[in-house]
Amino acid sequence: SYDLHTEDEIIQAGFTLQAVEQSTFKGQGPGILMAVCDALQQRYGIKVRITQFDESALSTGSSALAQTCIELEVGDAVYAGVGVSQDVSRSVIQALLTAFSRSRS
C-alpha cells in the first residue's frame, strides 16, 4: 500500500513492503520517484538513482492500464523493473520497487 501527500510542492511518500519486510518507509522529493528513492536511501543507506524511465498506456479509455519501465542504479549495479496498473502512481511505485527488490536478492 502507499500514501502520497503534497506540501509546498514537495511530495511525501509512505509505503509498506510486505514481500521484503513488514515495515513502513517514508521519504520526500519533488516527485513520486524521488520521494520513493529518498525513502529507500534513508532506510538502507545506499545510493538509489533512476537511470531510465518510460511510461505508456497499454489501452485506451478511463480504465486504461499504465505501464512503467524503470532502470535503477543501486550502489554500483543497475536493475530493471516494470509496473502495470490502472493507477499511474501505483504503476510507477511498483516498477521502482520491483527494480529495487532485485538489488536485494
N, C-alpha and C. Protein backbone atom coordinates (compact mmCIF):
# COMPACT_ATOMS: atom_id res chain seq x y z
N SER A 1 0.84 -1.18 0.00
CA SER A 1 0.00 0.00 0.00
C SER A 1 0.89 1.24 0.00
N TYR A 2 0.33 2.36 -0.42
CA TYR A 2 1.10 3.59 -0.44
C TYR A 2 0.21 4.78 -0.12
N ASP A 3 0.87 5.87 0.28
CA ASP A 3 0.18 7.11 0.61
C ASP A 3 1.04 8.26 0.12
N LEU A 4 0.45 9.18 -0.68
CA LEU A 4 1.18 10.32 -1.21
C LEU A 4 0.52 11.61 -0.75
N HIS A 5 1.33 12.57 -0.33
CA HIS A 5 0.84 13.89 0.07
C HIS A 5 1.75 14.94 -0.55
N THR A 6 1.16 16.07 -0.96
CA THR A 6 1.94 17.18 -1.48
C THR A 6 1.83 18.35 -0.51
N GLU A 7 2.99 18.89 -0.16
CA GLU A 7 3.04 20.06 0.71
C GLU A 7 4.17 20.95 0.23
N ASP A 8 3.85 22.20 -0.11
CA ASP A 8 4.84 23.15 -0.63
C ASP A 8 5.60 22.58 -1.82
N GLU A 9 4.88 21.94 -2.74
CA GLU A 9 5.43 21.35 -3.96
C GLU A 9 6.43 20.22 -3.71
N ILE A 10 6.42 19.67 -2.51
CA ILE A 10 7.25 18.51 -2.18
C ILE A 10 6.30 17.34 -1.92
N ILE A 11 6.57 16.22 -2.57
CA ILE A 11 5.74 15.03 -2.37
C ILE A 11 6.32 14.21 -1.23
N GLN A 12 5.45 13.82 -0.32
CA GLN A 12 5.83 12.93 0.76
C GLN A 12 5.20 11.58 0.48
N ALA A 13 6.03 10.56 0.41
CA ALA A 13 5.57 9.22 0.09
C ALA A 13 5.76 8.31 1.28
N GLY A 14 4.74 7.53 1.56
CA GLY A 14 4.84 6.49 2.56
C GLY A 14 4.35 5.20 1.93
N PHE A 15 5.04 4.11 2.17
CA PHE A 15 4.62 2.83 1.60
C PHE A 15 5.09 1.69 2.48
N THR A 16 4.42 0.57 2.34
CA THR A 16 4.73 -0.62 3.11
C THR A 16 5.16 -1.73 2.17
N LEU A 17 6.27 -2.36 2.49
CA LEU A 17 6.74 -3.51 1.73
C LEU A 17 6.49 -4.76 2.55
N GLN A 18 5.60 -5.60 2.07
CA GLN A 18 5.32 -6.83 2.79
C GLN A 18 6.17 -7.98 2.30
N ALA A 19 6.56 -7.94 1.03
CA ALA A 19 7.36 -9.04 0.48
C ALA A 19 8.78 -9.02 1.05
N VAL A 20 9.33 -7.83 1.26
CA VAL A 20 10.70 -7.71 1.76
C VAL A 20 10.69 -7.77 3.28
N GLU A 21 9.90 -6.91 3.89
CA GLU A 21 9.76 -6.86 5.33
C GLU A 21 8.49 -6.08 5.65
N GLN A 22 7.87 -6.38 6.75
CA GLN A 22 6.63 -5.71 7.13
C GLN A 22 6.98 -4.41 7.85
N SER A 23 7.29 -3.37 7.09
CA SER A 23 7.59 -2.08 7.70
C SER A 23 7.24 -0.96 6.74
N THR A 24 7.09 0.23 7.30
CA THR A 24 6.70 1.40 6.52
C THR A 24 7.92 2.26 6.24
N PHE A 25 8.00 2.74 5.01
CA PHE A 25 9.08 3.60 4.56
C PHE A 25 8.50 4.98 4.32
N LYS A 26 9.28 6.04 4.59
CA LYS A 26 8.82 7.40 4.32
C LYS A 26 9.96 8.20 3.73
N GLY A 27 9.62 8.97 2.67
CA GLY A 27 10.61 9.83 2.04
C GLY A 27 9.93 11.01 1.40
N GLN A 28 10.71 11.96 0.91
CA GLN A 28 10.14 13.12 0.24
C GLN A 28 11.02 13.55 -0.92
N GLY A 29 10.41 14.27 -1.86
CA GLY A 29 11.13 14.76 -3.03
C GLY A 29 10.19 15.54 -3.92
N PRO A 30 10.70 16.08 -5.02
CA PRO A 30 9.88 16.89 -5.91
C PRO A 30 8.88 16.09 -6.74
N GLY A 31 8.98 14.78 -6.73
CA GLY A 31 8.06 13.91 -7.46
C GLY A 31 7.99 12.56 -6.79
N ILE A 32 7.08 11.72 -7.27
CA ILE A 32 6.88 10.40 -6.67
C ILE A 32 8.18 9.59 -6.68
N LEU A 33 8.85 9.56 -7.81
CA LEU A 33 10.06 8.74 -7.93
C LEU A 33 11.14 9.18 -6.94
N MET A 34 11.35 10.48 -6.85
CA MET A 34 12.39 10.98 -5.95
C MET A 34 12.00 10.75 -4.49
N ALA A 35 10.72 10.85 -4.17
CA ALA A 35 10.27 10.60 -2.80
C ALA A 35 10.50 9.14 -2.41
N VAL A 36 10.19 8.21 -3.32
CA VAL A 36 10.40 6.79 -3.02
C VAL A 36 11.90 6.48 -2.96
N CYS A 37 12.69 7.04 -3.86
CA CYS A 37 14.15 6.84 -3.80
C CYS A 37 14.71 7.36 -2.48
N ASP A 38 14.22 8.52 -2.04
CA ASP A 38 14.66 9.09 -0.76
C ASP A 38 14.34 8.14 0.39
N ALA A 39 13.15 7.58 0.37
CA ALA A 39 12.76 6.64 1.43
C ALA A 39 13.67 5.41 1.45
N LEU A 40 13.98 4.88 0.28
CA LEU A 40 14.86 3.71 0.20
C LEU A 40 16.28 4.04 0.65
N GLN A 41 16.76 5.21 0.24
CA GLN A 41 18.11 5.64 0.65
C GLN A 41 18.20 5.82 2.16
N GLN A 42 17.15 6.41 2.75
CA GLN A 42 17.14 6.60 4.20
C GLN A 42 17.15 5.27 4.94
N ARG A 43 16.36 4.31 4.45
CA ARG A 43 16.23 3.02 5.13
C ARG A 43 17.49 2.17 5.00
N TYR A 44 18.03 2.11 3.77
CA TYR A 44 19.13 1.18 3.52
C TYR A 44 20.50 1.83 3.46
N GLY A 45 20.56 3.16 3.47
CA GLY A 45 21.85 3.85 3.48
C GLY A 45 22.67 3.61 2.22
N ILE A 46 22.00 3.43 1.10
CA ILE A 46 22.68 3.17 -0.17
C ILE A 46 22.14 4.12 -1.23
N LYS A 47 22.99 4.53 -2.14
CA LYS A 47 22.58 5.45 -3.21
C LYS A 47 21.62 4.75 -4.16
N VAL A 48 20.48 5.40 -4.44
CA VAL A 48 19.47 4.88 -5.36
C VAL A 48 19.20 5.97 -6.38
N ARG A 49 19.43 5.66 -7.67
CA ARG A 49 19.27 6.67 -8.71
C ARG A 49 18.58 6.07 -9.93
N ILE A 50 17.60 6.80 -10.47
CA ILE A 50 16.90 6.35 -11.67
C ILE A 50 17.74 6.71 -12.88
N THR A 51 18.05 5.71 -13.70
CA THR A 51 18.86 5.94 -14.89
C THR A 51 18.04 5.92 -16.18
N GLN A 52 16.86 5.31 -16.13
CA GLN A 52 15.98 5.23 -17.30
C GLN A 52 14.54 5.16 -16.82
N PHE A 53 13.65 5.88 -17.52
CA PHE A 53 12.23 5.89 -17.15
C PHE A 53 11.40 5.95 -18.42
N ASP A 54 10.38 5.11 -18.51
CA ASP A 54 9.46 5.15 -19.65
C ASP A 54 8.08 4.77 -19.15
N GLU A 55 7.09 5.49 -19.64
CA GLU A 55 5.71 5.22 -19.24
C GLU A 55 4.83 5.25 -20.47
N SER A 56 3.90 4.30 -20.56
CA SER A 56 3.00 4.28 -21.71
C SER A 56 1.66 3.67 -21.30
N ALA A 57 0.65 3.95 -22.12
CA ALA A 57 -0.68 3.38 -21.91
C ALA A 57 -0.79 2.08 -22.71
N LEU A 58 -1.31 1.04 -22.09
CA LEU A 58 -1.46 -0.25 -22.77
C LEU A 58 -2.82 -0.39 -23.43
N SER A 59 -3.74 0.52 -23.10
CA SER A 59 -5.08 0.51 -23.68
C SER A 59 -5.62 1.93 -23.66
N THR A 60 -6.87 2.11 -24.06
CA THR A 60 -7.46 3.44 -24.09
C THR A 60 -8.68 3.50 -23.18
N GLY A 61 -9.13 4.70 -22.93
CA GLY A 61 -10.34 4.88 -22.12
C GLY A 61 -10.05 5.11 -20.65
N SER A 62 -11.11 5.25 -19.89
CA SER A 62 -10.97 5.57 -18.47
C SER A 62 -10.41 4.42 -17.64
N SER A 63 -10.45 3.22 -18.16
CA SER A 63 -9.90 2.07 -17.44
C SER A 63 -8.58 1.58 -18.05
N ALA A 64 -7.89 2.48 -18.75
CA ALA A 64 -6.63 2.12 -19.42
C ALA A 64 -5.58 1.70 -18.40
N LEU A 65 -4.75 0.77 -18.81
CA LEU A 65 -3.64 0.33 -17.99
C LEU A 65 -2.40 1.16 -18.32
N ALA A 66 -1.69 1.59 -17.29
CA ALA A 66 -0.42 2.28 -17.46
C ALA A 66 0.70 1.29 -17.24
N GLN A 67 1.73 1.37 -18.07
CA GLN A 67 2.92 0.54 -17.90
C GLN A 67 4.11 1.45 -17.67
N THR A 68 4.86 1.19 -16.62
CA THR A 68 6.05 1.96 -16.29
C THR A 68 7.25 1.02 -16.31
N CYS A 69 8.31 1.45 -17.01
CA CYS A 69 9.57 0.70 -17.05
C CYS A 69 10.66 1.60 -16.47
N ILE A 70 11.42 1.05 -15.54
CA ILE A 70 12.46 1.82 -14.84
C ILE A 70 13.75 1.03 -14.80
N GLU A 71 14.86 1.73 -15.01
CA GLU A 71 16.18 1.21 -14.69
C GLU A 71 16.67 1.99 -13.49
N LEU A 72 17.15 1.27 -12.51
CA LEU A 72 17.51 1.86 -11.23
C LEU A 72 18.95 1.49 -10.89
N GLU A 73 19.76 2.48 -10.60
CA GLU A 73 21.12 2.23 -10.14
C GLU A 73 21.09 2.16 -8.62
N VAL A 74 21.50 1.02 -8.10
CA VAL A 74 21.57 0.81 -6.66
C VAL A 74 23.00 0.45 -6.34
N GLY A 75 23.68 1.35 -5.64
CA GLY A 75 25.12 1.16 -5.44
C GLY A 75 25.81 1.28 -6.78
N ASP A 76 26.52 0.25 -7.18
CA ASP A 76 27.25 0.26 -8.45
C ASP A 76 26.61 -0.60 -9.53
N ALA A 77 25.43 -1.14 -9.28
CA ALA A 77 24.77 -2.02 -10.25
C ALA A 77 23.45 -1.41 -10.71
N VAL A 78 22.97 -1.86 -11.89
CA VAL A 78 21.72 -1.36 -12.46
C VAL A 78 20.71 -2.50 -12.53
N TYR A 79 19.47 -2.22 -12.13
CA TYR A 79 18.40 -3.20 -12.11
C TYR A 79 17.18 -2.62 -12.83
N ALA A 80 16.38 -3.49 -13.44
CA ALA A 80 15.19 -3.05 -14.18
C ALA A 80 13.92 -3.55 -13.48
N GLY A 81 12.87 -2.76 -13.64
CA GLY A 81 11.58 -3.15 -13.09
C GLY A 81 10.45 -2.62 -13.95
N VAL A 82 9.33 -3.33 -13.97
CA VAL A 82 8.16 -2.93 -14.74
C VAL A 82 6.95 -2.96 -13.81
N GLY A 83 6.09 -1.96 -13.95
CA GLY A 83 4.84 -1.92 -13.19
C GLY A 83 3.68 -1.70 -14.13
N VAL A 84 2.54 -2.33 -13.87
CA VAL A 84 1.34 -2.17 -14.68
C VAL A 84 0.15 -2.01 -13.74
N SER A 85 -0.62 -0.96 -13.96
CA SER A 85 -1.79 -0.70 -13.13
C SER A 85 -2.69 0.32 -13.81
N GLN A 86 -3.97 0.37 -13.41
CA GLN A 86 -4.85 1.45 -13.86
C GLN A 86 -4.50 2.75 -13.16
N ASP A 87 -3.85 2.66 -12.02
CA ASP A 87 -3.41 3.82 -11.24
C ASP A 87 -1.96 4.12 -11.64
N VAL A 88 -1.73 5.27 -12.27
CA VAL A 88 -0.39 5.61 -12.76
C VAL A 88 0.62 5.65 -11.61
N SER A 89 0.25 6.24 -10.48
CA SER A 89 1.18 6.31 -9.34
C SER A 89 1.55 4.91 -8.87
N ARG A 90 0.58 4.02 -8.81
CA ARG A 90 0.86 2.64 -8.39
C ARG A 90 1.79 1.95 -9.39
N SER A 91 1.60 2.20 -10.67
CA SER A 91 2.46 1.62 -11.70
C SER A 91 3.91 2.08 -11.52
N VAL A 92 4.09 3.37 -11.25
CA VAL A 92 5.43 3.94 -11.05
C VAL A 92 6.09 3.33 -9.82
N ILE A 93 5.37 3.31 -8.71
CA ILE A 93 5.93 2.77 -7.47
C ILE A 93 6.23 1.28 -7.62
N GLN A 94 5.34 0.56 -8.27
CA GLN A 94 5.54 -0.88 -8.48
C GLN A 94 6.81 -1.14 -9.29
N ALA A 95 7.01 -0.38 -10.36
CA ALA A 95 8.20 -0.57 -11.19
C ALA A 95 9.48 -0.28 -10.41
N LEU A 96 9.47 0.82 -9.66
CA LEU A 96 10.65 1.19 -8.89
C LEU A 96 10.96 0.16 -7.82
N LEU A 97 9.94 -0.29 -7.10
CA LEU A 97 10.17 -1.27 -6.03
C LEU A 97 10.54 -2.64 -6.58
N THR A 98 10.04 -2.98 -7.77
CA THR A 98 10.45 -4.24 -8.40
C THR A 98 11.94 -4.20 -8.72
N ALA A 99 12.40 -3.10 -9.30
CA ALA A 99 13.83 -2.96 -9.61
C ALA A 99 14.65 -3.00 -8.32
N PHE A 100 14.19 -2.27 -7.31
CA PHE A 100 14.94 -2.23 -6.05
C PHE A 100 15.00 -3.61 -5.39
N SER A 101 13.90 -4.34 -5.41
CA SER A 101 13.88 -5.65 -4.76
C SER A 101 14.86 -6.61 -5.44
N ARG A 102 15.11 -6.43 -6.71
CA ARG A 102 16.09 -7.27 -7.41
C ARG A 102 17.51 -7.00 -6.88
N SER A 103 17.74 -5.79 -6.40
CA SER A 103 19.06 -5.47 -5.86
C SER A 103 19.27 -6.11 -4.50
N ARG A 104 18.20 -6.51 -3.85
CA ARG A 104 18.29 -7.07 -2.50
C ARG A 104 18.43 -8.59 -2.51
N SER A 105 18.29 -9.23 -3.68
CA SER A 105 18.35 -10.70 -3.71
C SER A 105 19.69 -11.20 -4.19
